[in-house]
Amino acid sequence: MYVGALTIDLLLGDVRSLKQKRSVIRPVIAEVRKRFPGVAVAETGANDLHRRGEIGIAVVSATAANCSEVLDECERTVAGRPEIEVLSVRRRLYTGED
């Protein structure tokens, strides 16, 4: 069993309040959930900053290759949104022995 974790730091465009931030982040999370129903995704950080965001994605798979492939697709989905800029991506892969 392999568990993959992806943390994506985001810079949001013309956002001036936390309410506007939520209106940008929620559709991104909803799109990842819709395209990849087997992954867990949530806003995981920078909750009090209105121009920054952090999304965490986790997936469980039988193979490391499949886990990496799903995380790659999730990253592309998030990075493809025109209203956000990806600042950094952290990826971890845990095995059954960890």
N, C-alpha and C. Protein backbone atom coordinates (compact mmCIF):
# COMPACT_ATOMS: atom_id res chain seq x y z
N MET A 1 0.84 -1.17 0.00
CA MET A 1 0.00 0.00 0.00
C MET A 1 0.89 1.24 0.00
N TYR A 2 0.49 2.23 -0.77
CA TYR A 2 1.21 3.50 -0.86
C TYR A 2 0.23 4.64 -0.59
N VAL A 3 0.70 5.61 0.15
CA VAL A 3 -0.08 6.81 0.44
C VAL A 3 0.70 8.00 -0.09
N GLY A 4 0.08 8.76 -0.97
CA GLY A 4 0.71 9.95 -1.52
C GLY A 4 0.07 11.20 -0.96
N ALA A 5 0.89 12.18 -0.63
CA ALA A 5 0.39 13.45 -0.11
C ALA A 5 0.98 14.59 -0.93
N LEU A 6 0.14 15.52 -1.28
CA LEU A 6 0.54 16.66 -2.10
C LEU A 6 0.06 17.92 -1.40
N THR A 7 0.96 18.87 -1.19
CA THR A 7 0.60 20.16 -0.60
C THR A 7 0.96 21.23 -1.61
N ILE A 8 -0.04 22.03 -1.98
CA ILE A 8 0.15 23.06 -3.00
C ILE A 8 -0.07 24.43 -2.37
N ASP A 9 0.96 25.27 -2.42
CA ASP A 9 0.85 26.65 -1.94
C ASP A 9 0.42 27.53 -3.11
N LEU A 10 -0.58 28.36 -2.86
CA LEU A 10 -1.18 29.16 -3.92
C LEU A 10 -1.09 30.64 -3.62
N LEU A 11 -0.96 31.43 -4.69
CA LEU A 11 -1.11 32.87 -4.62
C LEU A 11 -2.35 33.19 -5.43
N LEU A 12 -3.30 33.84 -4.79
CA LEU A 12 -4.56 34.15 -5.45
C LEU A 12 -4.47 35.52 -6.10
N GLY A 13 -5.18 35.69 -7.18
CA GLY A 13 -5.13 36.93 -7.95
C GLY A 13 -5.72 38.12 -7.22
N ASP A 14 -6.68 38.78 -7.80
CA ASP A 14 -7.28 39.99 -7.26
C ASP A 14 -8.31 39.64 -6.19
N VAL A 15 -7.83 39.25 -5.03
CA VAL A 15 -8.68 38.84 -3.92
C VAL A 15 -8.44 39.83 -2.78
N ARG A 16 -9.53 40.42 -2.25
CA ARG A 16 -9.38 41.44 -1.22
C ARG A 16 -10.03 41.09 0.11
N SER A 17 -10.60 39.89 0.20
CA SER A 17 -11.23 39.50 1.47
C SER A 17 -11.20 37.98 1.59
N LEU A 18 -11.45 37.49 2.80
CA LEU A 18 -11.50 36.04 3.00
C LEU A 18 -12.71 35.44 2.29
N LYS A 19 -13.77 36.21 2.16
CA LYS A 19 -14.96 35.73 1.44
C LYS A 19 -14.63 35.51 -0.05
N GLN A 20 -13.92 36.44 -0.64
CA GLN A 20 -13.50 36.27 -2.04
C GLN A 20 -12.53 35.10 -2.17
N LYS A 21 -11.66 34.94 -1.18
CA LYS A 21 -10.72 33.83 -1.20
C LYS A 21 -11.47 32.50 -1.25
N ARG A 22 -12.48 32.35 -0.39
CA ARG A 22 -13.27 31.11 -0.37
C ARG A 22 -13.97 30.88 -1.71
N SER A 23 -14.39 31.96 -2.36
CA SER A 23 -15.07 31.81 -3.66
C SER A 23 -14.11 31.38 -4.76
N VAL A 24 -12.82 31.52 -4.54
CA VAL A 24 -11.81 31.03 -5.50
C VAL A 24 -11.38 29.61 -5.14
N ILE A 25 -11.13 29.36 -3.86
CA ILE A 25 -10.60 28.06 -3.41
C ILE A 25 -11.64 26.95 -3.54
N ARG A 26 -12.87 27.21 -3.14
CA ARG A 26 -13.89 26.15 -3.14
C ARG A 26 -14.11 25.53 -4.52
N PRO A 27 -14.21 26.30 -5.60
CA PRO A 27 -14.36 25.65 -6.92
C PRO A 27 -13.17 24.79 -7.32
N VAL A 28 -11.97 25.18 -6.90
CA VAL A 28 -10.77 24.38 -7.20
C VAL A 28 -10.87 23.03 -6.50
N ILE A 29 -11.22 23.07 -5.22
CA ILE A 29 -11.38 21.83 -4.46
C ILE A 29 -12.49 20.97 -5.04
N ALA A 30 -13.59 21.60 -5.42
CA ALA A 30 -14.72 20.86 -6.00
C ALA A 30 -14.34 20.20 -7.32
N GLU A 31 -13.55 20.88 -8.13
CA GLU A 31 -13.13 20.30 -9.41
C GLU A 31 -12.23 19.09 -9.20
N VAL A 32 -11.30 19.17 -8.24
CA VAL A 32 -10.43 18.02 -7.96
C VAL A 32 -11.27 16.85 -7.46
N ARG A 33 -12.22 17.12 -6.56
CA ARG A 33 -13.09 16.05 -6.05
C ARG A 33 -13.91 15.41 -7.15
N LYS A 34 -14.39 16.22 -8.08
CA LYS A 34 -15.22 15.71 -9.18
C LYS A 34 -14.39 14.86 -10.15
N ARG A 35 -13.21 15.33 -10.51
CA ARG A 35 -12.39 14.60 -11.47
C ARG A 35 -11.72 13.37 -10.88
N PHE A 36 -11.45 13.40 -9.56
CA PHE A 36 -10.76 12.30 -8.89
C PHE A 36 -11.52 11.94 -7.62
N PRO A 37 -12.60 11.18 -7.75
CA PRO A 37 -13.44 10.90 -6.57
C PRO A 37 -12.74 10.05 -5.50
N GLY A 38 -11.64 9.41 -5.81
CA GLY A 38 -10.96 8.57 -4.84
C GLY A 38 -9.92 9.29 -4.00
N VAL A 39 -9.74 10.61 -4.21
CA VAL A 39 -8.74 11.34 -3.44
C VAL A 39 -9.41 12.18 -2.36
N ALA A 40 -8.64 12.50 -1.34
CA ALA A 40 -9.10 13.43 -0.31
C ALA A 40 -8.44 14.78 -0.59
N VAL A 41 -9.23 15.84 -0.56
CA VAL A 41 -8.71 17.17 -0.84
C VAL A 41 -9.37 18.17 0.09
N ALA A 42 -8.57 19.13 0.58
CA ALA A 42 -9.09 20.14 1.49
C ALA A 42 -8.16 21.35 1.51
N GLU A 43 -8.70 22.47 1.96
CA GLU A 43 -7.87 23.64 2.23
C GLU A 43 -7.17 23.37 3.56
N THR A 44 -5.85 23.41 3.56
CA THR A 44 -5.11 22.96 4.74
C THR A 44 -4.26 24.03 5.42
N GLY A 45 -4.18 25.20 4.87
CA GLY A 45 -3.34 26.20 5.51
C GLY A 45 -3.60 27.59 4.99
N ALA A 46 -2.92 28.57 5.58
CA ALA A 46 -3.04 29.99 5.22
C ALA A 46 -4.50 30.44 5.30
N ASN A 47 -5.20 29.97 6.32
CA ASN A 47 -6.63 30.26 6.43
C ASN A 47 -6.94 31.72 6.71
N ASP A 48 -6.03 32.44 7.34
CA ASP A 48 -6.30 33.84 7.69
C ASP A 48 -5.70 34.85 6.72
N LEU A 49 -5.03 34.38 5.69
CA LEU A 49 -4.43 35.26 4.69
C LEU A 49 -5.31 35.27 3.45
N HIS A 50 -5.73 36.45 3.01
CA HIS A 50 -6.70 36.50 1.92
C HIS A 50 -6.10 36.32 0.53
N ARG A 51 -4.81 36.51 0.33
CA ARG A 51 -4.22 36.30 -1.00
C ARG A 51 -3.41 35.02 -1.12
N ARG A 52 -3.31 34.26 -0.04
CA ARG A 52 -2.56 33.00 -0.05
C ARG A 52 -3.50 31.85 0.29
N GLY A 53 -3.18 30.69 -0.22
CA GLY A 53 -3.96 29.51 0.08
C GLY A 53 -3.08 28.27 0.05
N GLU A 54 -3.56 27.22 0.66
CA GLU A 54 -2.85 25.95 0.65
C GLU A 54 -3.89 24.85 0.51
N ILE A 55 -3.66 23.97 -0.44
CA ILE A 55 -4.55 22.83 -0.67
C ILE A 55 -3.76 21.56 -0.43
N GLY A 56 -4.34 20.64 0.33
CA GLY A 56 -3.73 19.34 0.58
C GLY A 56 -4.52 18.26 -0.12
N ILE A 57 -3.81 17.34 -0.76
CA ILE A 57 -4.42 16.24 -1.49
C ILE A 57 -3.75 14.95 -1.04
N ALA A 58 -4.55 13.92 -0.79
CA ALA A 58 -4.02 12.62 -0.39
C ALA A 58 -4.68 11.52 -1.21
N VAL A 59 -3.90 10.49 -1.53
CA VAL A 59 -4.40 9.36 -2.30
C VAL A 59 -3.77 8.08 -1.77
N VAL A 60 -4.53 7.00 -1.79
CA VAL A 60 -4.05 5.68 -1.39
C VAL A 60 -4.12 4.79 -2.62
N SER A 61 -3.04 4.04 -2.86
CA SER A 61 -2.98 3.21 -4.06
C SER A 61 -2.18 1.94 -3.78
N ALA A 62 -2.39 0.95 -4.63
CA ALA A 62 -1.67 -0.31 -4.50
C ALA A 62 -0.25 -0.22 -5.05
N THR A 63 -0.01 0.74 -5.98
CA THR A 63 1.32 0.87 -6.57
C THR A 63 1.81 2.31 -6.45
N ALA A 64 3.12 2.47 -6.36
CA ALA A 64 3.71 3.80 -6.28
C ALA A 64 3.50 4.57 -7.59
N ALA A 65 3.56 3.87 -8.72
CA ALA A 65 3.39 4.52 -10.01
C ALA A 65 1.99 5.12 -10.15
N ASN A 66 0.97 4.36 -9.76
CA ASN A 66 -0.39 4.88 -9.84
C ASN A 66 -0.59 6.06 -8.90
N CYS A 67 -0.02 5.98 -7.72
CA CYS A 67 -0.11 7.06 -6.75
C CYS A 67 0.51 8.34 -7.32
N SER A 68 1.67 8.24 -7.89
CA SER A 68 2.35 9.39 -8.49
C SER A 68 1.57 9.94 -9.68
N GLU A 69 1.01 9.07 -10.48
CA GLU A 69 0.23 9.49 -11.65
C GLU A 69 -1.00 10.30 -11.23
N VAL A 70 -1.70 9.83 -10.22
CA VAL A 70 -2.89 10.54 -9.74
C VAL A 70 -2.50 11.89 -9.16
N LEU A 71 -1.42 11.95 -8.39
CA LEU A 71 -0.98 13.22 -7.82
C LEU A 71 -0.53 14.18 -8.92
N ASP A 72 0.12 13.68 -9.98
CA ASP A 72 0.50 14.53 -11.11
C ASP A 72 -0.74 15.15 -11.75
N GLU A 73 -1.76 14.35 -11.98
CA GLU A 73 -3.00 14.84 -12.60
C GLU A 73 -3.68 15.87 -11.71
N CYS A 74 -3.70 15.63 -10.41
CA CYS A 74 -4.29 16.59 -9.48
C CYS A 74 -3.54 17.91 -9.51
N GLU A 75 -2.22 17.83 -9.53
CA GLU A 75 -1.40 19.04 -9.59
C GLU A 75 -1.66 19.81 -10.88
N ARG A 76 -1.76 19.13 -12.00
CA ARG A 76 -2.06 19.79 -13.27
C ARG A 76 -3.44 20.45 -13.25
N THR A 77 -4.40 19.79 -12.62
CA THR A 77 -5.75 20.34 -12.53
C THR A 77 -5.74 21.66 -11.75
N VAL A 78 -5.04 21.69 -10.64
CA VAL A 78 -4.98 22.90 -9.82
C VAL A 78 -4.18 23.99 -10.55
N ALA A 79 -3.04 23.63 -11.12
CA ALA A 79 -2.19 24.60 -11.79
C ALA A 79 -2.83 25.17 -13.06
N GLY A 80 -3.77 24.46 -13.62
CA GLY A 80 -4.43 24.91 -14.85
C GLY A 80 -5.46 25.99 -14.64
N ARG A 81 -5.77 26.32 -13.40
CA ARG A 81 -6.76 27.36 -13.12
C ARG A 81 -6.13 28.74 -13.37
N PRO A 82 -6.75 29.59 -14.19
CA PRO A 82 -6.13 30.88 -14.52
C PRO A 82 -6.14 31.89 -13.38
N GLU A 83 -7.02 31.73 -12.39
CA GLU A 83 -7.14 32.74 -11.33
C GLU A 83 -6.16 32.53 -10.18
N ILE A 84 -5.35 31.47 -10.25
CA ILE A 84 -4.39 31.21 -9.19
C ILE A 84 -3.00 30.99 -9.77
N GLU A 85 -2.00 31.20 -8.92
CA GLU A 85 -0.61 30.93 -9.28
C GLU A 85 -0.04 29.96 -8.26
N VAL A 86 0.55 28.89 -8.74
CA VAL A 86 1.16 27.90 -7.84
C VAL A 86 2.54 28.39 -7.45
N LEU A 87 2.74 28.56 -6.14
CA LEU A 87 4.04 29.03 -5.63
C LEU A 87 4.99 27.87 -5.36
N SER A 88 4.48 26.81 -4.75
CA SER A 88 5.32 25.64 -4.49
C SER A 88 4.45 24.41 -4.32
N VAL A 89 5.08 23.26 -4.54
CA VAL A 89 4.41 21.97 -4.41
C VAL A 89 5.33 21.06 -3.61
N ARG A 90 4.77 20.45 -2.57
CA ARG A 90 5.51 19.47 -1.78
C ARG A 90 4.81 18.13 -1.93
N ARG A 91 5.59 17.11 -2.22
CA ARG A 91 5.04 15.78 -2.45
C ARG A 91 5.74 14.77 -1.55
N ARG A 92 4.93 13.89 -0.96
CA ARG A 92 5.48 12.83 -0.12
C ARG A 92 4.82 11.52 -0.53
N LEU A 93 5.60 10.45 -0.47
CA LEU A 93 5.08 9.11 -0.77
C LEU A 93 5.46 8.21 0.40
N TYR A 94 4.45 7.66 1.04
CA TYR A 94 4.65 6.77 2.17
C TYR A 94 4.36 5.34 1.73
N THR A 95 5.17 4.40 2.21
CA THR A 95 4.94 3.00 1.89
C THR A 95 4.39 2.30 3.12
N GLY A 96 4.03 1.05 2.96
CA GLY A 96 3.51 0.27 4.07
C GLY A 96 4.52 0.06 5.18
N GLU A 97 5.80 0.20 4.89
CA GLU A 97 6.84 0.02 5.90
C GLU A 97 7.13 1.27 6.70
N ASP A 98 6.62 2.43 6.29
CA ASP A 98 6.88 3.70 7.01
C ASP A 98 6.14 3.76 8.31
